[in-house]
PDB file of N, CA and C in Angstrom:
ATOM      1  N   VAL A   1     -49.532-133.003 227.184  1.00  0.00           N
ATOM      2  CA  VAL A   1     -48.969-133.143 225.862  1.00  0.00           C
ATOM      3  C   VAL A   1     -49.346-131.943 225.005  1.00  0.00           C
ATOM      4  N   SER A   2     -50.461-131.388 225.252  1.00  0.00           N
ATOM      5  CA  SER A   2     -50.890-130.290 224.407  1.00  0.00           C
ATOM      6  C   SER A   2     -50.053-129.045 224.641  1.00  0.00           C
ATOM      7  N   THR A   3     -49.567-128.788 225.851  1.00  0.00           N
ATOM      8  CA  THR A   3     -48.707-127.632 226.071  1.00  0.00           C
ATOM      9  C   THR A   3     -47.358-127.818 225.394  1.00  0.00           C
ATOM     10  N   GLN A   4     -46.870-129.027 225.416  1.00  0.00           N
ATOM     11  CA  GLN A   4     -45.589-129.264 224.737  1.00  0.00           C
ATOM     12  C   GLN A   4     -45.752-129.136 223.235  1.00  0.00           C
ATOM     13  N   SER A   5     -46.855-129.670 222.736  1.00  0.00           N
ATOM     14  CA  SER A   5     -47.048-129.593 221.294  1.00  0.00           C
ATOM     15  C   SER A   5     -47.335-128.159 220.874  1.00  0.00           C
ATOM     16  N   THR A   6     -48.009-127.373 221.725  1.00  0.00           N
ATOM     17  CA  THR A   6     -48.253-125.977 221.409  1.00  0.00           C
ATOM     18  C   THR A   6     -46.945-125.201 221.452  1.00  0.00           C
ATOM     19  N   GLY A   7     -46.115-125.482 222.426  1.00  0.00           N
ATOM     20  CA  GLY A   7     -44.813-124.802 222.523  1.00  0.00           C
ATOM     21  C   GLY A   7     -43.914-125.148 221.361  1.00  0.00           C
ATOM     22  N   ALA A   8     -43.899-126.441 220.990  1.00  0.00           N
ATOM     23  CA  ALA A   8     -43.081-126.878 219.864  1.00  0.00           C
ATOM     24  C   ALA A   8     -43.592-126.249 218.574  1.00  0.00           C
ATOM     25  N   ARG A   9     -44.921-126.181 218.494  1.00  0.00           N
ATOM     26  CA  ARG A   9     -45.502-125.582 217.299  1.00  0.00           C
ATOM     27  C   ARG A   9     -45.147-124.099 217.224  1.00  0.00           C
ATOM     28  N   GLY A  10     -45.182-123.380 218.339  1.00  0.00           N
ATOM     29  CA  GLY A  10     -44.811-121.970 218.378  1.00  0.00           C
ATOM     30  C   GLY A  10     -43.345-121.771 218.021  1.00  0.00           C
ATOM     31  N   ASP A  11     -42.476-122.684 218.526  1.00  0.00           N
ATOM     32  CA  ASP A  11     -41.047-122.602 218.180  1.00  0.00           C
ATOM     33  C   ASP A  11     -40.834-122.827 216.688  1.00  0.00           C
ATOM     34  N   ALA A  12     -41.581-123.782 216.139  1.00  0.00           N
ATOM     35  CA  ALA A  12     -41.449-124.081 214.705  1.00  0.00           C
ATOM     36  C   ALA A  12     -41.920-122.889 213.878  1.00  0.00           C
ATOM     37  N   GLN A  13     -43.034-122.256 214.288  1.00  0.00           N
ATOM     38  CA  GLN A  13     -43.523-121.084 213.560  1.00  0.00           C
ATOM     39  C   GLN A  13     -42.533-119.931 213.658  1.00  0.00           C
ATOM     40  N   HIS A  14     -41.943-119.762 214.840  1.00  0.00           N
ATOM     41  CA  HIS A  14     -40.935-118.700 215.018  1.00  0.00           C
ATOM     42  C   HIS A  14     -39.717-118.961 214.120  1.00  0.00           C
ATOM     43  N   ALA A  15     -39.263-120.204 214.100  1.00  0.00           N
ATOM     44  CA  ALA A  15     -38.128-120.573 213.252  1.00  0.00           C
ATOM     45  C   ALA A  15     -38.480-120.371 211.785  1.00  0.00           C
ATOM     46  N   LEU A  16     -39.724-120.715 211.416  1.00  0.00           N
ATOM     47  CA  LEU A  16     -40.162-120.548 210.033  1.00  0.00           C
ATOM     48  C   LEU A  16     -40.177-119.066 209.638  1.00  0.00           C
ATOM     49  N   LYS A  17     -40.654-118.210 210.544  1.00  0.00           N
ATOM     50  CA  LYS A  17     -40.655-116.764 210.281  1.00  0.00           C
ATOM     51  C   LYS A  17     -39.229-116.247 210.120  1.00  0.00           C
ATOM     52  N   ASN A  18     -38.326-116.705 210.976  1.00  0.00           N
ATOM     53  CA  ASN A  18     -36.921-116.284 210.875  1.00  0.00           C
ATOM     54  C   ASN A  18     -36.322-116.718 209.536  1.00  0.00           C
ATOM     55  N   LEU A  19     -36.601-117.965 209.147  1.00  0.00           N
ATOM     56  CA  LEU A  19     -36.080-118.459 207.864  1.00  0.00           C
ATOM     57  C   LEU A  19     -36.683-117.682 206.698  1.00  0.00           C
ATOM     58  N   ASP A  20     -37.970-117.368 206.793  1.00  0.00           N
ATOM     59  CA  ASP A  20     -38.618-116.583 205.745  1.00  0.00           C
ATOM     60  C   ASP A  20     -37.970-115.202 205.625  1.00  0.00           C
ATOM     61  N   ARG A  21     -37.665-114.572 206.761  1.00  0.00           N
ATOM     62  CA  ARG A  21     -36.999-113.271 206.770  1.00  0.00           C
ATOM     63  C   ARG A  21     -35.612-113.379 206.156  1.00  0.00           C
ATOM     64  N   VAL A  22     -34.874-114.408 206.512  1.00  0.00           N
ATOM     65  CA  VAL A  22     -33.527-114.609 205.958  1.00  0.00           C
ATOM     66  C   VAL A  22     -33.608-114.804 204.450  1.00  0.00           C
ATOM     67  N   ILE A  23     -34.596-115.572 203.998  1.00  0.00           N
ATOM     68  CA  ILE A  23     -34.755-115.801 202.552  1.00  0.00           C
ATOM     69  C   ILE A  23     -35.039-114.488 201.830  1.00  0.00           C
ATOM     70  N   ARG A  24     -35.931-113.661 202.376  1.00  0.00           N
ATOM     71  CA  ARG A  24     -36.229-112.362 201.753  1.00  0.00           C
ATOM     72  C   ARG A  24     -34.986-111.471 201.700  1.00  0.00           C
ATOM     73  N   GLU A  25     -34.190-111.461 202.789  1.00  0.00           N
ATOM     74  CA  GLU A  25     -32.951-110.665 202.798  1.00  0.00           C
ATOM     75  C   GLU A  25     -31.993-111.148 201.724  1.00  0.00           C
ATOM     76  N   LYS A  26     -31.867-112.478 201.618  1.00  0.00           N
ATOM     77  CA  LYS A  26     -30.965-113.044 200.602  1.00  0.00           C
ATOM     78  C   LYS A  26     -31.457-112.714 199.193  1.00  0.00           C
ATOM     79  N   GLU A  27     -32.771-112.733 198.982  1.00  0.00           N
ATOM     80  CA  GLU A  27     -33.321-112.371 197.676  1.00  0.00           C
ATOM     81  C   GLU A  27     -33.040-110.908 197.353  1.00  0.00           C
ATOM     82  N   LEU A  28     -33.214-110.028 198.354  1.00  0.00           N
ATOM     83  CA  LEU A  28     -32.910-108.614 198.139  1.00  0.00           C
ATOM     84  C   LEU A  28     -31.431-108.415 197.827  1.00  0.00           C
ATOM     85  N   ASN A  29     -30.571-109.093 198.589  1.00  0.00           N
ATOM     86  CA  ASN A  29     -29.130-109.003 198.337  1.00  0.00           C
ATOM     87  C   ASN A  29     -28.796-109.513 196.938  1.00  0.00           C
ATOM     88  N   SER A  30     -29.454-110.607 196.560  1.00  0.00           N
ATOM     89  CA  SER A  30     -29.220-111.169 195.233  1.00  0.00           C
ATOM     90  C   SER A  30     -29.651-110.187 194.152  1.00  0.00           C
ATOM     91  N   ASP A  31     -30.824-109.545 194.331  1.00  0.00           N
ATOM     92  CA  ASP A  31     -31.291-108.550 193.359  1.00  0.00           C
ATOM     93  C   ASP A  31     -30.320-107.374 193.269  1.00  0.00           C
ATOM     94  N   GLU A  32     -29.845-106.901 194.411  1.00  0.00           N
ATOM     95  CA  GLU A  32     -28.885-105.795 194.413  1.00  0.00           C
ATOM     96  C   GLU A  32     -27.585-106.195 193.730  1.00  0.00           C
ATOM     97  N   ASP A  33     -27.128-107.426 194.022  1.00  0.00           N
ATOM     98  CA  ASP A  33     -25.903-107.918 193.380  1.00  0.00           C
ATOM     99  C   ASP A  33     -26.080-108.013 191.863  1.00  0.00           C
ATOM    100  N   MET A  34     -27.253-108.458 191.434  1.00  0.00           N
ATOM    101  CA  MET A  34     -27.509-108.573 189.999  1.00  0.00           C
ATOM    102  C   MET A  34     -27.499-107.196 189.340  1.00  0.00           C
ATOM    103  N   LYS A  35     -28.123-106.216 189.998  1.00  0.00           N
ATOM    104  CA  LYS A  35     -28.128-104.847 189.456  1.00  0.00           C
ATOM    105  C   LYS A  35     -26.715-104.289 189.391  1.00  0.00           C
ATOM    106  N   THR A  36     -25.927-104.535 190.438  1.00  0.00           N
ATOM    107  CA  THR A  36     -24.526-104.073 190.452  1.00  0.00           C
ATOM    108  C   THR A  36     -23.747-104.746 189.335  1.00  0.00           C
ATOM    109  N   PHE A  37     -23.956-106.042 189.170  1.00  0.00           N
ATOM    110  CA  PHE A  37     -23.279-106.795 188.119  1.00  0.00           C
ATOM    111  C   PHE A  37     -23.631-106.231 186.743  1.00  0.00           C
ATOM    112  N   GLN A  38     -24.907-105.962 186.501  1.00  0.00           N
ATOM    113  CA  GLN A  38     -25.338-105.421 185.207  1.00  0.00           C
ATOM    114  C   GLN A  38     -24.767-104.018 184.979  1.00  0.00           C
ATOM    115  N   ARG A  39     -24.731-103.217 186.037  1.00  0.00           N
ATOM    116  CA  ARG A  39     -24.164-101.869 185.921  1.00  0.00           C
ATOM    117  C   ARG A  39     -22.675-101.948 185.578  1.00  0.00           C
ATOM    118  N   LEU A  40     -21.965-102.849 186.252  1.00  0.00           N
ATOM    119  CA  LEU A  40     -20.533-103.010 185.976  1.00  0.00           C
ATOM    120  C   LEU A  40     -20.303-103.549 184.573  1.00  0.00           C
ATOM    121  N   GLN A  41     -21.179-104.468 184.138  1.00  0.00           N
ATOM    122  CA  GLN A  41     -21.054-104.976 182.771  1.00  0.00           C
ATOM    123  C   GLN A  41     -21.236-103.840 181.762  1.00  0.00           C
ATOM    124  N   GLY A  42     -22.188-102.966 182.026  1.00  0.00           N
ATOM    125  CA  GLY A  42     -22.401-101.818 181.142  1.00  0.00           C
ATOM    126  C   GLY A  42     -21.197-100.900 181.112  1.00  0.00           C
ATOM    127  N   GLN A  43     -20.590-100.678 182.270  1.00  0.00           N
ATOM    128  CA  GLN A  43     -19.392 -99.822 182.322  1.00  0.00           C
ATOM    129  C   GLN A  43     -18.236-100.466 181.576  1.00  0.00           C
ATOM    130  N   ILE A  44     -18.090-101.773 181.729  1.00  0.00           N
ATOM    131  CA  ILE A  44     -17.013-102.481 181.012  1.00  0.00           C
ATOM    132  C   ILE A  44     -17.228-102.378 179.508  1.00  0.00           C
ATOM    133  N   GLU A  45     -18.460-102.577 179.061  1.00  0.00           N
ATOM    134  CA  GLU A  45     -18.769-102.485 177.635  1.00  0.00           C
ATOM    135  C   GLU A  45     -18.494-101.073 177.116  1.00  0.00           C
ATOM    136  N   PHE A  46     -18.891-100.061 177.893  1.00  0.00           N
ATOM    137  CA  PHE A  46     -18.643 -98.670 177.513  1.00  0.00           C
ATOM    138  C   PHE A  46     -17.146 -98.410 177.383  1.00  0.00           C
ATOM    139  N   GLN A  47     -16.360 -98.853 178.364  1.00  0.00           N
ATOM    140  CA  GLN A  47     -14.913 -98.630 178.330  1.00  0.00           C
ATOM    141  C   GLN A  47     -14.262 -99.393 177.174  1.00  0.00           C
ATOM    142  N   ASN A  48     -14.751-100.606 176.883  1.00  0.00           N
ATOM    143  CA  ASN A  48     -14.210-101.362 175.750  1.00  0.00           C
ATOM    144  C   ASN A  48     -14.481-100.637 174.436  1.00  0.00           C
ATOM    145  N   ASN A  49     -15.692-100.108 174.292  1.00  0.00           N
ATOM    146  CA  ASN A  49     -16.013 -99.349 173.072  1.00  0.00           C
ATOM    147  C   ASN A  49     -15.164 -98.092 172.968  1.00  0.00           C
ATOM    148  N   LYS A  50     -14.962 -97.435 174.100  1.00  0.00           N
ATOM    149  CA  LYS A  50     -14.126 -96.233 174.114  1.00  0.00           C
ATOM    150  C   LYS A  50     -12.687 -96.586 173.716  1.00  0.00           C
ATOM    151  N   MET A  51     -12.193 -97.704 174.244  1.00  0.00           N
ATOM    152  CA  MET A  51     -10.834 -98.133 173.923  1.00  0.00           C
ATOM    153  C   MET A  51     -10.709 -98.481 172.433  1.00  0.00           C
ATOM    154  N   LYS A  52     -11.728 -99.135 171.871  1.00  0.00           N
ATOM    155  CA  LYS A  52     -11.703 -99.453 170.442  1.00  0.00           C
ATOM    156  C   LYS A  52     -11.671 -98.180 169.602  1.00  0.00           C
ATOM    157  N   ALA A  53     -12.449 -97.187 170.017  1.00  0.00           N
ATOM    158  CA  ALA A  53     -12.463 -95.918 169.281  1.00  0.00           C
ATOM    159  C   ALA A  53     -11.093 -95.238 169.365  1.00  0.00           C
ATOM    160  N   LEU A  54     -10.480 -95.274 170.529  1.00  0.00           N
ATOM    161  CA  LEU A  54      -9.146 -94.677 170.676  1.00  0.00           C
ATOM    162  C   LEU A  54      -8.115 -95.427 169.838  1.00  0.00           C
ATOM    163  N   ARG A  55      -8.241 -96.743 169.789  1.00  0.00           N
ATOM    164  CA  ARG A  55      -7.314 -97.521 168.944  1.00  0.00           C
ATOM    165  C   ARG A  55      -7.473 -97.141 167.478  1.00  0.00           C
ATOM    166  N   ARG A  56      -8.743 -96.972 167.044  1.00  0.00           N
ATOM    167  CA  ARG A  56      -8.968 -96.550 165.652  1.00  0.00           C
ATOM    168  C   ARG A  56      -8.359 -95.173 165.406  1.00  0.00           C
ATOM    169  N   THR A  57      -8.501 -94.274 166.368  1.00  0.00           N
ATOM    170  CA  THR A  57      -7.927 -92.934 166.238  1.00  0.00           C
ATOM    171  C   THR A  57      -6.407 -93.016 166.132  1.00  0.00           C
ATOM    172  N   ILE A  58      -5.804 -93.855 166.962  1.00  0.00           N
ATOM    173  CA  ILE A  58      -4.344 -94.035 166.917  1.00  0.00           C
ATOM    174  C   ILE A  58      -3.931 -94.614 165.573  1.00  0.00           C
ATOM    175  N   ASP A  59      -4.651 -95.649 165.103  1.00  0.00           N
ATOM    176  CA  ASP A  59      -4.321 -96.259 163.812  1.00  0.00           C
ATOM    177  C   ASP A  59      -4.435 -95.240 162.682  1.00  0.00           C
ATOM    178  N   ASP A  60      -5.502 -94.427 162.716  1.00  0.00           N
ATOM    179  CA  ASP A  60      -5.661 -93.389 161.688  1.00  0.00           C
ATOM    180  C   ASP A  60      -4.514 -92.382 161.755  1.00  0.00           C
ATOM    181  N   GLY A  61      -4.133 -91.990 162.960  1.00  0.00           N
ATOM    182  CA  GLY A  61      -3.026 -91.049 163.129  1.00  0.00           C
ATOM    183  C   GLY A  61      -1.717 -91.621 162.609  1.00  0.00           C
ATOM    184  N   GLU A  62      -1.481 -92.900 162.910  1.00  0.00           N
ATOM    185  CA  GLU A  62      -0.255 -93.538 162.425  1.00  0.00           C
ATOM    186  C   GLU A  62      -0.256 -93.630 160.899  1.00  0.00           C
ATOM    187  N   ALA A  63      -1.418 -93.905 160.316  1.00  0.00           N
ATOM    188  CA  ALA A  63      -1.509 -93.957 158.856  1.00  0.00           C
ATOM    189  C   ALA A  63      -1.218 -92.581 158.253  1.00  0.00           C
ATOM    190  N   GLN A  64      -1.743 -91.525 158.881  1.00  0.00           N
ATOM    191  CA  GLN A  64      -1.473 -90.170 158.401  1.00  0.00           C
ATOM    192  C   GLN A  64       0.003 -89.833 158.534  1.00  0.00           C
ATOM    193  N   ILE A  65       0.629 -90.270 159.621  1.00  0.00           N
ATOM    194  CA  ILE A  65       2.067 -90.039 159.798  1.00  0.00           C
ATOM    195  C   ILE A  65       2.843 -90.733 158.687  1.00  0.00           C
ATOM    196  N   ASP A  66       2.471 -91.980 158.367  1.00  0.00           N
ATOM    197  CA  ASP A  66       3.151 -92.707 157.286  1.00  0.00           C
ATOM    198  C   ASP A  66       3.029 -91.954 155.964  1.00  0.00           C
ATOM    199  N   VAL A  67       1.829 -91.475 155.668  1.00  0.00           N
ATOM    200  CA  VAL A  67       1.617 -90.737 154.416  1.00  0.00           C
ATOM    201  C   VAL A  67       2.492 -89.483 154.395  1.00  0.00           C
ATOM    202  N   MET A  68       2.497 -88.741 155.515  1.00  0.00           N
ATOM    203  CA  MET A  68       3.285 -87.506 155.564  1.00  0.00           C
ATOM    204  C   MET A  68       4.786 -87.802 155.469  1.00  0.00           C
ATOM    205  N   GLN A  69       5.242 -88.879 156.107  1.00  0.00           N
ATOM    206  CA  GLN A  69       6.659 -89.231 156.010  1.00  0.00           C
ATOM    207  C   GLN A  69       7.033 -89.589 154.575  1.00  0.00           C
ATOM    208  N   ASN A  70       6.154 -90.315 153.886  1.00  0.00           N
ATOM    209  CA  ASN A  70       6.424 -90.642 152.483  1.00  0.00           C
ATOM    210  C   ASN A  70       6.469 -89.384 151.627  1.00  0.00           C
ATOM    211  N   LYS A  71       5.558 -88.455 151.869  1.00  0.00           N
ATOM    212  CA  LYS A  71       5.575 -87.192 151.123  1.00  0.00           C
ATOM    213  C   LYS A  71       6.850 -86.413 151.412  1.00  0.00           C
ATOM    214  N   LEU A  72       7.282 -86.403 152.673  1.00  0.00           N
ATOM    215  CA  LEU A  72       8.508 -85.703 153.034  1.00  0.00           C
ATOM    216  C   LEU A  72       9.708 -86.336 152.349  1.00  0.00           C
ATOM    217  N   ARG A  73       9.793 -87.671 152.367  1.00  0.00           N
ATOM    218  CA  ARG A  73      10.913 -88.348 151.688  1.00  0.00           C
ATOM    219  C   ARG A  73      10.925 -88.021 150.195  1.00  0.00           C
ATOM    220  N   LYS A  74       9.737 -88.022 149.573  1.00  0.00           N
ATOM    221  CA  LYS A  74       9.657 -87.710 148.149  1.00  0.00           C
ATOM    222  C   LYS A  74      10.080 -86.263 147.899  1.00  0.00           C
ATOM    223  N   ALA A  75       9.635 -85.347 148.742  1.00  0.00           N
ATOM    224  CA  ALA A  75      10.002 -83.939 148.568  1.00  0.00           C
ATOM    225  C   ALA A  75      11.506 -83.751 148.721  1.00  0.00           C
ATOM    226  N   ILE A  76      12.106 -84.407 149.712  1.00  0.00           N
ATOM    227  CA  ILE A  76      13.567 -84.313 149.903  1.00  0.00           C
ATOM    228  C   ILE A  76      14.284 -84.872 148.679  1.00  0.00           C
ATOM    229  N   HIS A  77      13.799 -86.012 148.175  1.00  0.00           N
ATOM    230  CA  HIS A  77      14.407 -86.618 146.993  1.00  0.00           C
ATOM    231  C   HIS A  77      14.283 -85.685 145.782  1.00  0.00           C
ATOM    232  N   ASP A  78      13.098 -85.079 145.619  1.00  0.00           N
ATOM    233  CA  ASP A  78      12.895 -84.151 144.499  1.00  0.00           C
ATOM    234  C   ASP A  78      13.814 -82.938 144.616  1.00  0.00           C
ATOM    235  N   VAL A  79      13.986 -82.408 145.817  1.00  0.00           N
ATOM    236  CA  VAL A  79      14.875 -81.251 146.020  1.00  0.00           C
ATOM    237  C   VAL A  79      16.316 -81.643 145.702  1.00  0.00           C
ATOM    238  N   GLU A  80      16.737 -82.816 146.167  1.00  0.00           N
ATOM    239  CA  GLU A  80      18.110 -83.256 145.891  1.00  0.00           C
ATOM    240  C   GLU A  80      18.328 -83.444 144.405  1.00  0.00           C
ATOM    241  N   ASP A  81      17.355 -84.049 143.711  1.00  0.00           N
ATOM    242  CA  ASP A  81      17.470 -84.207 142.252  1.00  0.00           C
ATOM    243  C   ASP A  81      17.542 -82.855 141.559  1.00  0.00           C
ATOM    244  N   SER A  82      16.724 -81.925 142.004  1.00  0.00           N
ATOM    245  CA  SER A  82      16.715 -80.587 141.409  1.00  0.00           C
ATOM    246  C   SER A  82      18.048 -79.885 141.643  1.00  0.00           C
ATOM    247  N   GLU A  83      18.611 -80.026 142.841  1.00  0.00           N
ATOM    248  CA  GLU A  83      19.902 -79.400 143.130  1.00  0.00           C
ATOM    249  C   GLU A  83      21.005 -80.007 142.275  1.00  0.00           C
ATOM    250  N   GLU A  84      20.946 -81.324 142.076  1.00  0.00           N
ATOM    251  CA  GLU A  84      21.943 -81.978 141.227  1.00  0.00           C
ATOM    252  C   GLU A  84      21.838 -81.485 139.785  1.00  0.00           C
ATOM    253  N   ARG A  85      20.621 -81.409 139.273  1.00  0.00           N
ATOM    254  CA  ARG A  85      20.430 -80.919 137.895  1.00  0.00           C
ATOM    255  C   ARG A  85      20.893 -79.476 137.779  1.00  0.00           C
ATOM    256  N   SER A  86      20.577 -78.670 138.775  1.00  0.00           N
ATOM    257  CA  SER A  86      20.986 -77.269 138.747  1.00  0.00           C
ATOM    258  C   SER A  86      22.508 -77.157 138.762  1.00  0.00           C
ATOM    259  N   ALA A  87      23.159 -77.966 139.577  1.00  0.00           N
ATOM    260  CA  ALA A  87      24.620 -77.927 139.638  1.00  0.00           C
ATOM    261  C   ALA A  87      25.229 -78.374 138.322  1.00  0.00           C
ATOM    262  N   MET A  88      24.628 -79.388 137.706  1.00  0.00           N
ATOM    263  CA  MET A  88      25.156 -79.855 136.414  1.00  0.00           C
ATOM    264  C   MET A  88      25.003 -78.771 135.351  1.00  0.00           C
ATOM    265  N   HIS A  89      23.905 -78.073 135.335  1.00  0.00           N
ATOM    266  CA  HIS A  89      23.684 -77.012 134.355  1.00  0.00           C
ATOM    267  C   HIS A  89      24.642 -75.857 134.579  1.00  0.00           C
ATOM    268  N   GLU A  90      24.916 -75.536 135.817  1.00  0.00           N
ATOM    269  CA  GLU A  90      25.781 -74.398 136.101  1.00  0.00           C
ATOM    270  C   GLU A  90      27.243 -74.693 135.820  1.00  0.00           C
ATOM    271  N   THR A  91      27.612 -75.972 135.812  1.00  0.00           N
ATOM    272  CA  THR A  91      29.016 -76.301 135.523  1.00  0.00           C
ATOM    273  C   THR A  91      29.267 -76.518 134.038  1.00  0.00           C
ATOM    274  N   GLN A  92      28.223 -76.493 133.239  1.00  0.00           N
ATOM    275  CA  GLN A  92      28.420 -76.650 131.798  1.00  0.00           C
ATOM    276  C   GLN A  92      29.102 -75.398 131.241  1.00  0.00           C
ATOM    277  N   LEU A  93      29.698 -75.559 130.090  1.00  0.00           N
ATOM    278  CA  LEU A  93      30.365 -74.423 129.453  1.00  0.00           C
ATOM    279  C   LEU A  93      29.349 -73.360 129.061  1.00  0.00           C
ATOM    280  N   VAL A  94      29.698 -72.125 129.370  1.00  0.00           N
ATOM    281  CA  VAL A  94      28.825 -71.007 129.042  1.00  0.00           C
ATOM    282  C   VAL A  94      29.622 -70.079 128.138  1.00  0.00           C
ATOM    283  N   PRO A  95      29.050 -69.606 127.009  1.00  0.00           N
ATOM    284  CA  PRO A  95      29.812 -68.711 126.129  1.00  0.00           C
ATOM    285  C   PRO A  95      30.196 -67.429 126.866  1.00  0.00           C
ATOM    286  N   GLY A  96      31.398 -66.969 126.639  1.00  0.00           N
ATOM    287  CA  GLY A  96      31.919 -65.779 127.303  1.00  0.00           C
ATOM    288  C   GLY A  96      31.271 -64.523 126.764  1.00  0.00           C
ATOM    289  N   GLY A  97      31.426 -63.467 127.471  1.00  0.00           N
ATOM    290  CA  GLY A  97      30.733 -62.244 127.137  1.00  0.00           C
ATOM    291  C   GLY A  97      31.440 -61.387 126.120  1.00  0.00           C
ATOM    292  N   ARG A  98      32.629 -60.944 126.201  1.00  0.00           N
ATOM    293  CA  ARG A  98      33.200 -59.840 125.419  1.00  0.00           C
ATOM    294  C   ARG A  98      33.799 -60.303 124.114  1.00  0.00           C
ATOM    295  N   GLY A  99      33.072 -60.298 123.141  1.00  0.00           N
ATOM    296  CA  GLY A  99      33.455 -60.475 121.772  1.00  0.00           C
ATOM    297  C   GLY A  99      34.421 -61.564 121.475  1.00  0.00           C
ATOM    298  N   GLY A 100      34.469 -62.568 121.776  1.00  0.00           N
ATOM    299  CA  GLY A 100      35.412 -63.521 121.272  1.00  0.00           C
ATOM    300  C   GLY A 100      34.913 -64.908 121.484  1.00  0.00           C
ATOM    301  N   GLY A 101      35.767 -65.770 121.176  1.00  0.00           N
ATOM    302  CA  GLY A 101      35.403 -67.160 121.312  1.00  0.00           C
ATOM    303  C   GLY A 101      35.744 -67.714 122.679  1.00  0.00           C
ATOM    304  N   SER A 102      36.033 -66.863 123.621  1.00  0.00           N
ATOM    305  CA  SER A 102      36.404 -67.390 124.931  1.00  0.00           C
ATOM    306  C   SER A 102      35.162 -67.937 125.641  1.00  0.00           C
ATOM    307  N   THR A 103      35.429 -68.876 126.448  1.00  0.00           N
ATOM    308  CA  THR A 103      34.346 -69.454 127.260  1.00  0.00           C
ATOM    309  C   THR A 103      34.790 -69.440 128.706  1.00  0.00           C
ATOM    310  N   ARG A 104      33.813 -69.429 129.564  1.00  0.00           N
ATOM    311  CA  ARG A 104      34.136 -69.498 130.986  1.00  0.00           C
ATOM    312  C   ARG A 104      33.250 -70.551 131.639  1.00  0.00           C
ATOM    313  N   ILE A 105      33.711 -71.030 132.731  1.00  0.00           N
ATOM    314  CA  ILE A 105      32.968 -72.045 133.477  1.00  0.00           C
ATOM    315  C   ILE A 105      32.476 -71.401 134.760  1.00  0.00           C
ATOM    316  N   THR A 106      31.215 -71.562 135.005  1.00  0.00           N
ATOM    317  CA  THR A 106      30.682 -71.047 136.261  1.00  0.00           C
ATOM    318  C   THR A 106      30.223 -72.235 137.111  1.00  0.00           C
ATOM    319  N   THR A 107      30.469 -72.127 138.380  1.00  0.00           N
ATOM    320  CA  THR A 107      30.023 -73.194 139.291  1.00  0.00           C
ATOM    321  C   THR A 107      29.323 -72.557 140.470  1.00  0.00           C
ATOM    322  N   ARG A 108      28.508 -73.329 141.070  1.00  0.00           N
ATOM    323  CA  ARG A 108      27.797 -72.889 142.260  1.00  0.00           C
ATOM    324  C   ARG A 108      27.869 -74.021 143.256  1.00  0.00           C
ATOM    325  N   ARG A 109      28.103 -73.653 144.483  1.00  0.00           N
ATOM    326  CA  ARG A 109      28.177 -74.683 145.510  1.00  0.00           C
ATOM    327  C   ARG A 109      26.754 -75.130 145.857  1.00  0.00           C
ATOM    328  N   VAL A 110      26.569 -76.454 145.882  1.00  0.00           N
ATOM    329  CA  VAL A 110      25.270 -77.026 146.211  1.00  0.00           C
ATOM    330  C   VAL A 110      25.410 -77.696 147.573  1.00  0.00           C
ATOM    331  N   PHE A 111      24.531 -77.332 148.480  1.00  0.00           N
ATOM    332  CA  PHE A 111      24.576 -77.910 149.823  1.00  0.00           C
ATOM    333  C   PHE A 111      23.690 -79.146 149.879  1.00  0.00           C
ATOM    334  N   PRO A 112      24.073 -80.126 150.690  1.00  0.00           N
ATOM    335  CA  PRO A 112      23.334 -81.376 150.726  1.00  0.00           C
ATOM    336  C   PRO A 112      21.919 -81.218 151.289  1.00  0.00           C
ATOM    337  N   SER A 113      21.674 -80.201 152.022  1.00  0.00           N
ATOM    338  CA  SER A 113      20.312 -79.990 152.527  1.00  0.00           C
ATOM    339  C   SER A 113      19.853 -78.631 152.068  1.00  0.00           C
ATOM    340  N   SER A 114      18.585 -78.380 152.237  1.00  0.00           N
ATOM    341  CA  SER A 114      18.043 -77.101 151.791  1.00  0.00           C
ATOM    342  C   SER A 114      18.301 -75.998 152.802  1.00  0.00           C
ATOM    343  N   ILE A 115      19.081 -76.283 153.821  1.00  0.00           N
ATOM    344  CA  ILE A 115      19.345 -75.287 154.854  1.00  0.00           C
ATOM    345  C   ILE A 115      20.306 -74.229 154.341  1.00  0.00           C
ATOM    346  N   GLY A 116      21.311 -74.640 153.560  1.00  0.00           N
ATOM    347  CA  GLY A 116      22.263 -73.673 153.037  1.00  0.00           C
ATOM    348  C   GLY A 116      23.509 -73.640 153.901  1.00  0.00           C
ATOM    349  N   PRO A 117      24.417 -72.700 153.593  1.00  0.00           N
ATOM    350  CA  PRO A 117      25.681 -72.644 154.339  1.00  0.00           C
ATOM    351  C   PRO A 117      25.417 -72.155 155.772  1.00  0.00           C
ATOM    352  N   ALA A 118      26.310 -72.554 156.634  1.00  0.00           N
ATOM    353  CA  ALA A 118      26.206 -72.086 158.017  1.00  0.00           C
ATOM    354  C   ALA A 118      26.542 -70.603 158.030  1.00  0.00           C
ATOM    355  N   SER A 119      25.684 -69.827 158.608  1.00  0.00           N
ATOM    356  CA  SER A 119      25.940 -68.375 158.619  1.00  0.00           C
ATOM    357  C   SER A 119      26.890 -68.049 159.749  1.00  0.00           C
ATOM    358  N   SER A 120      27.837 -67.203 159.462  1.00  0.00           N
ATOM    359  CA  SER A 120      28.801 -66.804 160.486  1.00  0.00           C
ATOM    360  C   SER A 120      28.404 -65.407 160.962  1.00  0.00           C
ATOM    361  N   THR A 121      28.046 -65.316 162.213  1.00  0.00           N
ATOM    362  CA  THR A 121      27.625 -64.021 162.756  1.00  0.00           C
ATOM    363  C   THR A 121      28.585 -63.545 163.774  1.00  0.00           C
TER     364      THR A 121
END
């Protein structure tokens, strides 16, 4: 009986050592997985912050575009108003030059844009 119990005891110790080794491997794998998980979480957080910063940059750029478009619309409106006033002044009666009571009307063509007439080359 003692040889069987010694053999069984040796088998149990061998199995226990194998299980202990497997447990240590699993713990190491778990530690590595945790480190990988934390590293990936850090990368995700970094990319999210980067994306938020880019969104803010885009929003700021769009706001600047809106401001510039409003300034452009106002400038175009001011130019058109100025051209209209100039045309009205030029079509008013102007006293004639050579000694008399004659009057002449002067007009100037006003173009709808500040580009002017199409040049013919």
